[in-house]
Amino acid sequence: MSAPRLILKQATGWFAAGQEFAQAITILSDGAFKLYVYACLRADRHTGCLRATVDDLARAMTRAPSTVAANLDELEERTVCCVVRDEGSIFMLEISDRFWPYQRQQPPGRSGPEAEFVQKVRESAIPESYWEPLRTKVTRMEQQWQKANPARP
C-alpha cells in the first residue's frame, strides 16, 4: 500500500531548499545561516541578487546592525555570497552559484560579450570550487572599474 499523496497548504511562494541549504548549514554560524535563508527568500529568483542595507536587514531579522554586518562578512568569507557595496549604504548581495538552487539568468548589469563569456565559463568543465572565488574577485573588479569609469549619456 502506498502512502497518501502530500498536499501543499500553500501552492505558491516556495523556495527550493535542497542540497545548497544542507551545505550552508554545515559551514555557517547560526546568525549567518539565518541571514543566508532570509536573503534566499527575498532575492530575485532569476538572478540570486538582493538589494538591501544593513539597517533594512537588521530590522527584518530583529538583530543589531553590527551583528548583521558581521554575518554579511562571514557569508563573504565562506564564499556563500558576494556583497558589492556602492558609495551609499545600499549594497547588492549576490548568492553564489554553489548556494543558489536555481539556474541563474542574466545578472543585472551584464550583457553582450562579457555575459556570453561568463556563461561559457560557467558551462565549462571547471569545477565550481575553482570558479566561485574567481567570480567574486571579477565582480569586485568590475564594480571598481564601473565606479572609476561612470557611463556617460
N, C-alpha and C. Protein backbone atom coordinates (compact mmCIF):
# COMPACT_ATOMS: atom_id res chain seq x y z
N MET A 1 0.83 -1.17 0.00
CA MET A 1 0.00 0.00 0.00
C MET A 1 0.88 1.24 0.00
N SER A 2 0.56 2.20 -0.82
CA SER A 2 1.38 3.42 -0.92
C SER A 2 0.90 4.47 0.08
N ALA A 3 1.82 5.36 0.41
CA ALA A 3 1.50 6.45 1.35
C ALA A 3 0.55 7.43 0.67
N PRO A 4 -0.29 8.08 1.44
CA PRO A 4 -1.20 9.07 0.84
C PRO A 4 -0.41 10.23 0.23
N ARG A 5 -0.96 10.78 -0.83
CA ARG A 5 -0.31 11.88 -1.54
C ARG A 5 -0.29 13.12 -0.64
N LEU A 6 0.87 13.80 -0.61
CA LEU A 6 1.00 15.01 0.18
C LEU A 6 0.35 16.18 -0.55
N ILE A 7 -0.29 17.04 0.20
CA ILE A 7 -0.96 18.21 -0.38
C ILE A 7 -0.38 19.46 0.29
N LEU A 8 0.05 20.38 -0.54
CA LEU A 8 0.62 21.63 -0.03
C LEU A 8 -0.45 22.52 0.56
N LYS A 9 -0.13 23.17 1.68
CA LYS A 9 -1.04 24.15 2.26
C LYS A 9 -1.00 25.44 1.45
N GLN A 10 0.18 25.79 0.98
CA GLN A 10 0.37 26.99 0.16
C GLN A 10 0.92 26.55 -1.19
N ALA A 11 0.21 26.85 -2.25
CA ALA A 11 0.62 26.40 -3.58
C ALA A 11 1.69 27.29 -4.20
N THR A 12 1.88 28.50 -3.69
CA THR A 12 2.88 29.41 -4.25
C THR A 12 3.80 29.93 -3.16
N GLY A 13 4.87 30.62 -3.61
CA GLY A 13 5.79 31.23 -2.65
C GLY A 13 6.85 30.29 -2.12
N TRP A 14 7.04 29.17 -2.77
CA TRP A 14 8.02 28.18 -2.33
C TRP A 14 9.42 28.56 -2.74
N PHE A 15 10.40 28.07 -1.99
CA PHE A 15 11.80 28.23 -2.33
C PHE A 15 12.44 26.85 -2.29
N ALA A 16 13.27 26.55 -3.27
CA ALA A 16 13.91 25.24 -3.36
C ALA A 16 15.08 25.15 -2.37
N ALA A 17 14.82 24.62 -1.21
CA ALA A 17 15.84 24.49 -0.16
C ALA A 17 16.34 23.05 -0.14
N GLY A 18 17.32 22.76 -0.97
CA GLY A 18 17.83 21.40 -1.07
C GLY A 18 19.26 21.29 -0.58
N GLN A 19 20.10 20.71 -1.44
CA GLN A 19 21.48 20.45 -1.05
C GLN A 19 22.25 21.74 -0.75
N GLU A 20 21.84 22.85 -1.35
CA GLU A 20 22.51 24.12 -1.08
C GLU A 20 22.34 24.53 0.38
N PHE A 21 21.14 24.35 0.91
CA PHE A 21 20.89 24.66 2.32
C PHE A 21 21.63 23.67 3.22
N ALA A 22 21.60 22.41 2.84
CA ALA A 22 22.29 21.39 3.63
C ALA A 22 23.79 21.68 3.71
N GLN A 23 24.34 22.18 2.62
CA GLN A 23 25.76 22.52 2.58
C GLN A 23 26.03 23.76 3.43
N ALA A 24 25.18 24.78 3.29
CA ALA A 24 25.39 26.04 4.01
C ALA A 24 25.29 25.86 5.52
N ILE A 25 24.38 25.02 5.98
CA ILE A 25 24.17 24.88 7.42
C ILE A 25 25.40 24.26 8.10
N THR A 26 26.21 23.53 7.34
CA THR A 26 27.40 22.90 7.93
C THR A 26 28.59 23.85 8.03
N ILE A 27 28.57 24.97 7.30
CA ILE A 27 29.74 25.85 7.30
C ILE A 27 29.48 27.23 7.90
N LEU A 28 28.22 27.55 8.19
CA LEU A 28 27.88 28.88 8.69
C LEU A 28 27.46 28.85 10.15
N SER A 29 27.72 29.96 10.83
CA SER A 29 27.20 30.12 12.19
C SER A 29 25.68 30.27 12.10
N ASP A 30 25.01 30.18 13.23
CA ASP A 30 23.55 30.30 13.24
C ASP A 30 23.08 31.62 12.65
N GLY A 31 23.72 32.72 13.06
CA GLY A 31 23.32 34.04 12.57
C GLY A 31 23.54 34.21 11.08
N ALA A 32 24.69 33.74 10.60
CA ALA A 32 24.98 33.84 9.17
C ALA A 32 24.04 32.95 8.36
N PHE A 33 23.72 31.76 8.89
CA PHE A 33 22.78 30.89 8.18
C PHE A 33 21.40 31.53 8.11
N LYS A 34 20.97 32.15 9.20
CA LYS A 34 19.67 32.82 9.20
C LYS A 34 19.66 33.95 8.17
N LEU A 35 20.74 34.70 8.07
CA LEU A 35 20.82 35.76 7.07
C LEU A 35 20.81 35.18 5.66
N TYR A 36 21.52 34.08 5.45
CA TYR A 36 21.52 33.40 4.16
C TYR A 36 20.10 32.96 3.77
N VAL A 37 19.38 32.38 4.71
CA VAL A 37 18.00 31.94 4.44
C VAL A 37 17.13 33.15 4.10
N TYR A 38 17.25 34.22 4.86
CA TYR A 38 16.48 35.42 4.59
C TYR A 38 16.80 35.96 3.19
N ALA A 39 18.08 36.01 2.85
CA ALA A 39 18.49 36.50 1.53
C ALA A 39 17.93 35.61 0.42
N CYS A 40 17.97 34.31 0.61
CA CYS A 40 17.42 33.39 -0.39
C CYS A 40 15.93 33.62 -0.60
N LEU A 41 15.21 33.83 0.48
CA LEU A 41 13.77 34.02 0.37
C LEU A 41 13.40 35.36 -0.26
N ARG A 42 14.26 36.36 -0.11
CA ARG A 42 13.97 37.70 -0.62
C ARG A 42 14.67 38.03 -1.94
N ALA A 43 15.65 37.25 -2.33
CA ALA A 43 16.41 37.54 -3.55
C ALA A 43 15.57 37.30 -4.80
N ASP A 44 15.91 37.99 -5.85
CA ASP A 44 15.28 37.76 -7.15
C ASP A 44 15.60 36.33 -7.57
N ARG A 45 14.59 35.53 -7.88
CA ARG A 45 14.80 34.11 -8.20
C ARG A 45 15.57 33.92 -9.50
N HIS A 46 15.52 34.90 -10.39
CA HIS A 46 16.22 34.77 -11.67
C HIS A 46 17.70 35.07 -11.56
N THR A 47 18.07 35.93 -10.60
CA THR A 47 19.47 36.37 -10.51
C THR A 47 20.16 35.97 -9.22
N GLY A 48 19.40 35.67 -8.18
CA GLY A 48 20.01 35.37 -6.88
C GLY A 48 20.55 36.61 -6.20
N CYS A 49 20.03 37.79 -6.57
CA CYS A 49 20.51 39.06 -6.04
C CYS A 49 19.46 39.74 -5.17
N LEU A 50 19.95 40.43 -4.15
CA LEU A 50 19.09 41.17 -3.25
C LEU A 50 19.74 42.52 -2.98
N ARG A 51 19.01 43.60 -3.23
CA ARG A 51 19.49 44.95 -2.89
C ARG A 51 18.96 45.26 -1.50
N ALA A 52 19.84 45.74 -0.63
CA ALA A 52 19.43 45.99 0.75
C ALA A 52 20.43 46.92 1.42
N THR A 53 20.12 47.26 2.66
CA THR A 53 21.06 47.94 3.54
C THR A 53 21.19 47.09 4.80
N VAL A 54 22.24 47.31 5.54
CA VAL A 54 22.41 46.59 6.80
C VAL A 54 21.25 46.90 7.73
N ASP A 55 20.83 48.16 7.76
CA ASP A 55 19.71 48.54 8.64
C ASP A 55 18.41 47.84 8.24
N ASP A 56 18.15 47.73 6.93
CA ASP A 56 16.95 47.01 6.47
C ASP A 56 16.97 45.56 6.95
N LEU A 57 18.11 44.92 6.76
CA LEU A 57 18.24 43.51 7.17
C LEU A 57 18.13 43.38 8.68
N ALA A 58 18.74 44.30 9.41
CA ALA A 58 18.68 44.25 10.87
C ALA A 58 17.23 44.36 11.37
N ARG A 59 16.46 45.28 10.76
CA ARG A 59 15.05 45.42 11.15
C ARG A 59 14.27 44.15 10.82
N ALA A 60 14.48 43.63 9.63
CA ALA A 60 13.72 42.44 9.20
C ALA A 60 14.05 41.22 10.05
N MET A 61 15.28 41.13 10.49
CA MET A 61 15.71 39.96 11.24
C MET A 61 15.72 40.19 12.75
N THR A 62 15.34 41.38 13.17
CA THR A 62 15.35 41.79 14.58
C THR A 62 16.71 41.50 15.23
N ARG A 63 17.74 41.99 14.58
CA ARG A 63 19.11 41.87 15.07
C ARG A 63 19.77 43.23 15.03
N ALA A 64 20.83 43.39 15.79
CA ALA A 64 21.60 44.64 15.77
C ALA A 64 22.31 44.77 14.43
N PRO A 65 22.41 46.00 13.89
CA PRO A 65 23.13 46.19 12.63
C PRO A 65 24.57 45.66 12.67
N SER A 66 25.24 45.79 13.80
CA SER A 66 26.61 45.28 13.89
C SER A 66 26.65 43.75 13.76
N THR A 67 25.63 43.08 14.27
CA THR A 67 25.54 41.62 14.14
C THR A 67 25.30 41.23 12.70
N VAL A 68 24.39 41.94 12.03
CA VAL A 68 24.11 41.66 10.62
C VAL A 68 25.36 41.92 9.78
N ALA A 69 26.08 42.99 10.06
CA ALA A 69 27.31 43.29 9.32
C ALA A 69 28.34 42.17 9.49
N ALA A 70 28.46 41.66 10.71
CA ALA A 70 29.38 40.54 10.96
C ALA A 70 28.93 39.28 10.21
N ASN A 71 27.62 39.04 10.17
CA ASN A 71 27.10 37.89 9.43
C ASN A 71 27.34 38.04 7.92
N LEU A 72 27.19 39.25 7.40
CA LEU A 72 27.50 39.50 5.98
C LEU A 72 28.96 39.19 5.69
N ASP A 73 29.84 39.63 6.59
CA ASP A 73 31.27 39.35 6.41
C ASP A 73 31.52 37.84 6.36
N GLU A 74 30.85 37.10 7.24
CA GLU A 74 31.01 35.64 7.25
C GLU A 74 30.52 35.01 5.95
N LEU A 75 29.38 35.49 5.43
CA LEU A 75 28.87 34.96 4.16
C LEU A 75 29.87 35.19 3.04
N GLU A 76 30.53 36.35 3.05
CA GLU A 76 31.55 36.63 2.03
C GLU A 76 32.80 35.77 2.24
N GLU A 77 33.26 35.67 3.47
CA GLU A 77 34.47 34.89 3.77
C GLU A 77 34.32 33.44 3.36
N ARG A 78 33.12 32.90 3.51
CA ARG A 78 32.87 31.49 3.16
C ARG A 78 32.38 31.34 1.72
N THR A 79 32.44 32.42 0.96
CA THR A 79 32.02 32.48 -0.46
C THR A 79 30.60 31.98 -0.69
N VAL A 80 29.74 32.22 0.30
CA VAL A 80 28.32 31.89 0.14
C VAL A 80 27.66 33.00 -0.67
N CYS A 81 28.11 34.22 -0.45
CA CYS A 81 27.57 35.39 -1.16
C CYS A 81 28.71 36.33 -1.53
N CYS A 82 28.42 37.15 -2.50
CA CYS A 82 29.30 38.25 -2.86
C CYS A 82 28.53 39.52 -2.57
N VAL A 83 29.10 40.40 -1.77
CA VAL A 83 28.43 41.64 -1.43
C VAL A 83 29.16 42.77 -2.14
N VAL A 84 28.43 43.47 -3.00
CA VAL A 84 29.01 44.59 -3.74
C VAL A 84 28.42 45.86 -3.16
N ARG A 85 29.30 46.65 -2.57
CA ARG A 85 28.86 47.88 -1.92
C ARG A 85 29.09 49.07 -2.85
N ASP A 86 28.17 50.03 -2.79
CA ASP A 86 28.38 51.25 -3.55
C ASP A 86 28.79 52.34 -2.57
N GLU A 87 28.76 53.56 -3.00
CA GLU A 87 29.20 54.65 -2.14
C GLU A 87 28.22 54.94 -1.01
N GLY A 88 26.97 54.57 -1.19
CA GLY A 88 25.96 54.78 -0.14
C GLY A 88 25.86 53.58 0.76
N SER A 89 24.73 53.45 1.43
CA SER A 89 24.54 52.33 2.35
C SER A 89 23.90 51.12 1.67
N ILE A 90 23.39 51.30 0.45
CA ILE A 90 22.76 50.19 -0.26
C ILE A 90 23.83 49.30 -0.88
N PHE A 91 23.62 48.01 -0.80
CA PHE A 91 24.55 47.06 -1.43
C PHE A 91 23.77 46.01 -2.18
N MET A 92 24.46 45.28 -3.04
CA MET A 92 23.88 44.16 -3.77
C MET A 92 24.51 42.90 -3.21
N LEU A 93 23.66 42.02 -2.70
CA LEU A 93 24.11 40.73 -2.20
C LEU A 93 23.76 39.71 -3.28
N GLU A 94 24.76 39.04 -3.82
CA GLU A 94 24.53 38.01 -4.83
C GLU A 94 24.91 36.66 -4.24
N ILE A 95 23.97 35.76 -4.17
CA ILE A 95 24.22 34.43 -3.62
C ILE A 95 25.00 33.62 -4.64
N SER A 96 26.08 33.01 -4.20
CA SER A 96 26.97 32.25 -5.08
C SER A 96 26.24 31.08 -5.72
N ASP A 97 26.64 30.73 -6.93
CA ASP A 97 26.01 29.63 -7.65
C ASP A 97 25.98 28.34 -6.83
N ARG A 98 27.03 28.10 -6.11
CA ARG A 98 27.13 26.87 -5.32
C ARG A 98 26.03 26.79 -4.26
N PHE A 99 25.52 27.95 -3.84
CA PHE A 99 24.50 28.00 -2.79
C PHE A 99 23.16 28.52 -3.30
N TRP A 100 23.01 28.67 -4.61
CA TRP A 100 21.76 29.14 -5.20
C TRP A 100 21.14 27.98 -5.98
N PRO A 101 19.93 27.54 -5.62
CA PRO A 101 19.37 26.33 -6.22
C PRO A 101 18.81 26.50 -7.63
N TYR A 102 18.68 27.73 -8.09
CA TYR A 102 18.08 27.96 -9.41
C TYR A 102 19.16 28.23 -10.45
N GLN A 103 18.88 27.87 -11.70
CA GLN A 103 19.78 28.25 -12.77
C GLN A 103 19.66 29.75 -12.94
N ARG A 104 20.78 30.41 -12.85
CA ARG A 104 20.80 31.86 -12.88
C ARG A 104 20.59 32.38 -14.29
N GLN A 105 19.74 33.38 -14.40
CA GLN A 105 19.56 34.05 -15.67
C GLN A 105 20.47 35.27 -15.69
N GLN A 106 20.36 36.07 -16.69
CA GLN A 106 21.24 37.21 -16.88
C GLN A 106 21.28 38.10 -15.63
N PRO A 107 22.46 38.20 -14.94
CA PRO A 107 22.55 39.09 -13.79
C PRO A 107 22.39 40.55 -14.24
N PRO A 108 21.91 41.42 -13.34
CA PRO A 108 21.72 42.80 -13.73
C PRO A 108 23.06 43.46 -14.06
N GLY A 109 23.06 44.26 -15.13
CA GLY A 109 24.26 45.00 -15.50
C GLY A 109 25.22 44.25 -16.38
N ARG A 110 24.96 43.00 -16.70
CA ARG A 110 25.86 42.24 -17.55
C ARG A 110 25.15 41.90 -18.85
N SER A 111 25.77 42.28 -19.95
CA SER A 111 25.20 41.96 -21.24
C SER A 111 26.31 41.92 -22.27
N GLY A 112 25.98 41.45 -23.42
CA GLY A 112 26.94 41.43 -24.52
C GLY A 112 27.99 40.36 -24.37
N PRO A 113 29.19 40.63 -24.94
CA PRO A 113 30.26 39.63 -24.95
C PRO A 113 30.70 39.19 -23.56
N GLU A 114 30.68 40.12 -22.58
CA GLU A 114 31.09 39.75 -21.23
C GLU A 114 30.17 38.70 -20.64
N ALA A 115 28.86 38.89 -20.82
CA ALA A 115 27.89 37.94 -20.31
C ALA A 115 28.03 36.59 -21.00
N GLU A 116 28.27 36.61 -22.30
CA GLU A 116 28.47 35.36 -23.04
C GLU A 116 29.70 34.62 -22.53
N PHE A 117 30.78 35.36 -22.27
CA PHE A 117 32.00 34.75 -21.75
C PHE A 117 31.74 34.10 -20.39
N VAL A 118 31.08 34.85 -19.50
CA VAL A 118 30.78 34.33 -18.16
C VAL A 118 29.95 33.06 -18.27
N GLN A 119 28.95 33.08 -19.15
CA GLN A 119 28.09 31.90 -19.32
C GLN A 119 28.89 30.71 -19.84
N LYS A 120 29.79 30.94 -20.79
CA LYS A 120 30.61 29.85 -21.33
C LYS A 120 31.51 29.25 -20.25
N VAL A 121 32.08 30.11 -19.42
CA VAL A 121 32.93 29.61 -18.32
C VAL A 121 32.10 28.79 -17.35
N ARG A 122 30.89 29.27 -17.02
CA ARG A 122 30.02 28.54 -16.11
C ARG A 122 29.65 27.17 -16.65
N GLU A 123 29.50 27.09 -17.97
CA GLU A 123 29.10 25.83 -18.59
C GLU A 123 30.29 24.91 -18.86
N SER A 124 31.49 25.40 -18.67
CA SER A 124 32.69 24.60 -18.95
C SER A 124 32.89 23.53 -17.89
N ALA A 125 33.96 22.80 -18.04
CA ALA A 125 34.25 21.70 -17.13
C ALA A 125 34.97 22.16 -15.88
N ILE A 126 35.13 23.46 -15.69
CA ILE A 126 35.82 23.95 -14.50
C ILE A 126 34.94 23.68 -13.28
N PRO A 127 35.50 23.02 -12.27
CA PRO A 127 34.70 22.74 -11.07
C PRO A 127 34.26 24.03 -10.39
N GLU A 128 33.08 24.00 -9.80
CA GLU A 128 32.52 25.17 -9.13
C GLU A 128 33.44 25.71 -8.05
N SER A 129 34.16 24.83 -7.36
CA SER A 129 35.04 25.26 -6.27
C SER A 129 36.15 26.18 -6.77
N TYR A 130 36.56 26.05 -8.02
CA TYR A 130 37.56 26.95 -8.59
C TYR A 130 36.92 28.25 -9.06
N TRP A 131 35.71 28.18 -9.54
CA TRP A 131 35.05 29.33 -10.15
C TRP A 131 34.60 30.37 -9.14
N GLU A 132 34.06 29.97 -7.98
CA GLU A 132 33.46 30.91 -7.04
C GLU A 132 34.41 32.01 -6.56
N PRO A 133 35.61 31.69 -6.05
CA PRO A 133 36.49 32.79 -5.61
C PRO A 133 36.88 33.72 -6.77
N LEU A 134 37.09 33.16 -7.95
CA LEU A 134 37.43 33.97 -9.11
C LEU A 134 36.26 34.88 -9.47
N ARG A 135 35.06 34.35 -9.47
CA ARG A 135 33.88 35.14 -9.82
C ARG A 135 33.68 36.29 -8.85
N THR A 136 33.93 36.03 -7.57
CA THR A 136 33.82 37.07 -6.56
C THR A 136 34.81 38.19 -6.85
N LYS A 137 36.04 37.83 -7.16
CA LYS A 137 37.07 38.84 -7.45
C LYS A 137 36.75 39.60 -8.72
N VAL A 138 36.28 38.90 -9.75
CA VAL A 138 35.93 39.56 -11.00
C VAL A 138 34.77 40.53 -10.78
N THR A 139 33.79 40.13 -10.01
CA THR A 139 32.65 41.01 -9.72
C THR A 139 33.12 42.26 -9.01
N ARG A 140 34.01 42.12 -8.04
CA ARG A 140 34.52 43.29 -7.32
C ARG A 140 35.33 44.19 -8.25
N MET A 141 36.16 43.59 -9.09
CA MET A 141 36.95 44.38 -10.03
C MET A 141 36.04 45.12 -11.01
N GLU A 142 34.99 44.45 -11.47
CA GLU A 142 34.04 45.08 -12.38
C GLU A 142 33.37 46.27 -11.71
N GLN A 143 32.98 46.14 -10.46
CA GLN A 143 32.35 47.24 -9.73
C GLN A 143 33.32 48.41 -9.55
N GLN A 144 34.57 48.10 -9.22
CA GLN A 144 35.57 49.16 -9.06
C GLN A 144 35.80 49.89 -10.38
N TRP A 145 35.84 49.14 -11.47
CA TRP A 145 36.05 49.75 -12.78
C TRP A 145 34.86 50.64 -13.13
N GLN A 146 33.64 50.17 -12.84
CA GLN A 146 32.45 50.96 -13.15
C GLN A 146 32.42 52.24 -12.33
N LYS A 147 32.88 52.21 -11.08
CA LYS A 147 32.93 53.41 -10.27
C LYS A 147 33.96 54.41 -10.83
N ALA A 148 35.09 53.87 -11.26
CA ALA A 148 36.16 54.72 -11.80
C ALA A 148 35.83 55.25 -13.19
N ASN A 149 34.97 54.55 -13.92
CA ASN A 149 34.62 54.91 -15.30
C ASN A 149 33.11 54.96 -15.46
N PRO A 150 32.46 55.95 -14.85
CA PRO A 150 31.00 56.00 -14.95
C PRO A 150 30.54 56.17 -16.39
N ALA A 151 29.41 55.56 -16.68
CA ALA A 151 28.84 55.64 -18.04
C ALA A 151 28.41 57.07 -18.30
N ARG A 152 28.67 57.52 -19.49
CA ARG A 152 28.29 58.89 -19.87
C ARG A 152 27.13 58.81 -20.85
N PRO A 153 26.14 59.68 -20.67
CA PRO A 153 24.97 59.65 -21.57
C PRO A 153 25.31 60.07 -22.99
